[in-house]
N, C-alpha and C. Protein backbone atom coordinates (compact mmCIF):
# COMPACT_ATOMS: atom_id res chain seq x y z
N MET A 1 -12.12 4.38 4.87
CA MET A 1 -11.79 3.38 3.88
C MET A 1 -10.28 3.17 3.88
N ALA A 2 -9.85 2.02 3.43
CA ALA A 2 -8.44 1.69 3.35
C ALA A 2 -8.07 1.31 1.92
N TYR A 3 -6.80 1.16 1.70
CA TYR A 3 -6.32 0.68 0.41
C TYR A 3 -6.00 -0.79 0.51
N LYS A 4 -5.90 -1.45 -0.64
CA LYS A 4 -5.50 -2.85 -0.69
C LYS A 4 -4.53 -3.02 -1.86
N ILE A 5 -3.77 -4.10 -1.82
CA ILE A 5 -2.83 -4.41 -2.88
C ILE A 5 -3.37 -5.61 -3.66
N ILE A 6 -3.45 -5.45 -4.96
CA ILE A 6 -3.88 -6.56 -5.83
C ILE A 6 -2.69 -7.51 -5.95
N ALA A 7 -2.77 -8.63 -5.26
CA ALA A 7 -1.64 -9.56 -5.15
C ALA A 7 -1.16 -10.07 -6.51
N SER A 8 -2.07 -10.32 -7.43
CA SER A 8 -1.69 -10.86 -8.73
C SER A 8 -0.89 -9.86 -9.57
N GLN A 9 -0.94 -8.58 -9.22
CA GLN A 9 -0.21 -7.55 -9.95
C GLN A 9 1.06 -7.11 -9.23
N CYS A 10 1.15 -7.41 -7.95
CA CYS A 10 2.28 -6.97 -7.12
C CYS A 10 3.57 -7.67 -7.54
N THR A 11 4.63 -6.88 -7.74
CA THR A 11 5.93 -7.43 -8.10
C THR A 11 6.82 -7.65 -6.88
N VAL A 12 6.30 -7.36 -5.70
CA VAL A 12 7.00 -7.52 -4.42
C VAL A 12 8.30 -6.70 -4.42
N CYS A 13 8.23 -5.50 -4.97
CA CYS A 13 9.42 -4.63 -5.02
C CYS A 13 9.72 -3.99 -3.67
N GLY A 14 8.70 -3.85 -2.83
CA GLY A 14 8.89 -3.29 -1.49
C GLY A 14 8.81 -1.78 -1.39
N ALA A 15 8.61 -1.10 -2.49
CA ALA A 15 8.57 0.37 -2.46
C ALA A 15 7.49 0.89 -1.53
N CYS A 16 6.35 0.27 -1.52
CA CYS A 16 5.22 0.75 -0.72
C CYS A 16 5.44 0.61 0.78
N GLU A 17 6.07 -0.47 1.18
CA GLU A 17 6.24 -0.75 2.61
C GLU A 17 6.96 0.39 3.33
N PHE A 18 7.99 0.91 2.72
CA PHE A 18 8.81 1.94 3.37
C PHE A 18 8.22 3.33 3.25
N GLU A 19 7.27 3.53 2.36
CA GLU A 19 6.64 4.84 2.19
C GLU A 19 5.41 5.03 3.06
N CYS A 20 4.86 3.97 3.61
CA CYS A 20 3.63 4.04 4.40
C CYS A 20 3.91 4.71 5.75
N PRO A 21 3.29 5.85 6.02
CA PRO A 21 3.54 6.56 7.27
C PRO A 21 2.91 5.89 8.49
N ASN A 22 2.03 4.91 8.25
CA ASN A 22 1.34 4.24 9.35
C ASN A 22 1.84 2.82 9.60
N ALA A 23 2.86 2.40 8.89
CA ALA A 23 3.38 1.02 8.98
C ALA A 23 2.26 0.00 8.79
N ALA A 24 1.38 0.29 7.84
CA ALA A 24 0.24 -0.59 7.58
C ALA A 24 0.54 -1.68 6.56
N ILE A 25 1.70 -1.61 5.91
CA ILE A 25 2.04 -2.56 4.85
C ILE A 25 3.13 -3.51 5.33
N THR A 26 2.85 -4.81 5.21
CA THR A 26 3.82 -5.83 5.62
C THR A 26 3.88 -6.94 4.59
N LEU A 27 5.00 -7.64 4.58
CA LEU A 27 5.20 -8.77 3.69
C LEU A 27 4.72 -10.04 4.39
N LYS A 28 3.78 -10.73 3.77
CA LYS A 28 3.27 -11.99 4.32
C LYS A 28 3.13 -12.99 3.19
N ASN A 29 3.74 -14.15 3.37
CA ASN A 29 3.65 -15.22 2.37
C ASN A 29 4.04 -14.75 0.98
N ASP A 30 5.15 -14.04 0.89
CA ASP A 30 5.70 -13.54 -0.38
C ASP A 30 4.81 -12.56 -1.12
N THR A 31 3.96 -11.84 -0.41
CA THR A 31 3.17 -10.77 -1.01
C THR A 31 2.95 -9.69 0.03
N TYR A 32 2.80 -8.47 -0.43
CA TYR A 32 2.55 -7.37 0.49
C TYR A 32 1.06 -7.24 0.77
N MET A 33 0.76 -6.93 2.03
CA MET A 33 -0.62 -6.78 2.47
C MET A 33 -0.75 -5.44 3.20
N ILE A 34 -1.93 -4.83 3.10
CA ILE A 34 -2.21 -3.59 3.81
C ILE A 34 -3.21 -3.89 4.93
N ASP A 35 -2.83 -3.55 6.15
CA ASP A 35 -3.71 -3.74 7.30
C ASP A 35 -4.75 -2.61 7.29
N ALA A 36 -5.99 -2.98 7.01
CA ALA A 36 -7.07 -1.99 6.89
C ALA A 36 -7.28 -1.19 8.17
N LYS A 37 -6.96 -1.78 9.31
CA LYS A 37 -7.13 -1.08 10.58
C LYS A 37 -6.10 0.03 10.76
N LYS A 38 -4.95 -0.09 10.11
CA LYS A 38 -3.89 0.91 10.23
C LYS A 38 -3.91 1.92 9.08
N CYS A 39 -4.47 1.53 7.94
CA CYS A 39 -4.44 2.39 6.76
C CYS A 39 -5.40 3.57 6.90
N THR A 40 -4.87 4.76 6.68
CA THR A 40 -5.68 5.98 6.73
C THR A 40 -5.69 6.67 5.37
N GLU A 41 -5.22 5.98 4.33
CA GLU A 41 -5.05 6.54 2.99
C GLU A 41 -4.12 7.75 3.04
N CYS A 42 -3.21 7.75 4.00
CA CYS A 42 -2.21 8.80 4.21
C CYS A 42 -2.83 10.14 4.58
N ASP A 43 -4.07 10.12 5.02
CA ASP A 43 -4.74 11.35 5.45
C ASP A 43 -3.93 12.01 6.56
N GLU A 44 -3.79 13.30 6.49
CA GLU A 44 -3.02 14.11 7.42
C GLU A 44 -1.51 13.96 7.25
N HIS A 45 -1.06 13.12 6.32
CA HIS A 45 0.37 12.96 6.06
C HIS A 45 0.72 13.46 4.65
N PHE A 46 -0.08 13.02 3.67
CA PHE A 46 0.17 13.35 2.27
C PHE A 46 -1.15 13.64 1.56
N ASP A 47 -1.07 14.25 0.40
CA ASP A 47 -2.27 14.55 -0.38
C ASP A 47 -2.84 13.31 -1.07
N THR A 48 -1.99 12.33 -1.35
CA THR A 48 -2.42 11.09 -2.00
C THR A 48 -1.82 9.89 -1.27
N PRO A 49 -2.48 8.74 -1.33
CA PRO A 49 -1.92 7.53 -0.71
C PRO A 49 -0.55 7.20 -1.31
N GLN A 50 0.42 7.08 -0.47
CA GLN A 50 1.79 6.87 -0.93
C GLN A 50 2.02 5.51 -1.55
N CYS A 51 1.30 4.49 -1.13
CA CYS A 51 1.47 3.17 -1.73
C CYS A 51 1.15 3.22 -3.23
N ALA A 52 0.07 3.90 -3.58
CA ALA A 52 -0.31 4.04 -4.98
C ALA A 52 0.66 4.96 -5.72
N ALA A 53 1.15 5.99 -5.04
CA ALA A 53 2.05 6.95 -5.68
C ALA A 53 3.40 6.35 -6.04
N VAL A 54 3.92 5.45 -5.21
CA VAL A 54 5.25 4.90 -5.46
C VAL A 54 5.24 3.56 -6.18
N CYS A 55 4.10 2.93 -6.29
CA CYS A 55 4.02 1.61 -6.92
C CYS A 55 4.35 1.72 -8.42
N PRO A 56 5.28 0.88 -8.90
CA PRO A 56 5.66 0.95 -10.32
C PRO A 56 4.61 0.35 -11.26
N ILE A 57 3.65 -0.38 -10.72
CA ILE A 57 2.60 -0.99 -11.53
C ILE A 57 1.29 -0.27 -11.23
N SER A 58 0.76 0.43 -12.20
CA SER A 58 -0.47 1.22 -11.96
C SER A 58 -1.64 0.30 -11.59
N ASP A 59 -2.51 0.84 -10.76
CA ASP A 59 -3.71 0.15 -10.29
C ASP A 59 -3.43 -1.13 -9.51
N THR A 60 -2.29 -1.15 -8.80
CA THR A 60 -1.99 -2.29 -7.92
C THR A 60 -2.39 -1.96 -6.49
N CYS A 61 -2.18 -0.73 -6.05
CA CYS A 61 -2.64 -0.25 -4.75
C CYS A 61 -3.90 0.56 -5.02
N VAL A 62 -5.03 0.02 -4.58
CA VAL A 62 -6.32 0.62 -4.92
C VAL A 62 -7.22 0.70 -3.69
N PRO A 63 -8.24 1.55 -3.73
CA PRO A 63 -9.18 1.61 -2.61
C PRO A 63 -9.84 0.23 -2.40
N ALA A 64 -9.97 -0.15 -1.15
CA ALA A 64 -10.58 -1.45 -0.83
C ALA A 64 -12.09 -1.39 -0.99
């Protein structure tokens, strides 16, 4: 499974993009998107998905 970003809640702060160990998060059309093919939920890197951990708005980075 992968994570996704709820676009309507995203403030486009960019915190998640730089924390993703798989480079799965990119800015497209003024919103951040998570590439499901690259997202591993930070398995083998961290105990929790880093996009959700660093996001300043709770429940913006959620399981897809």
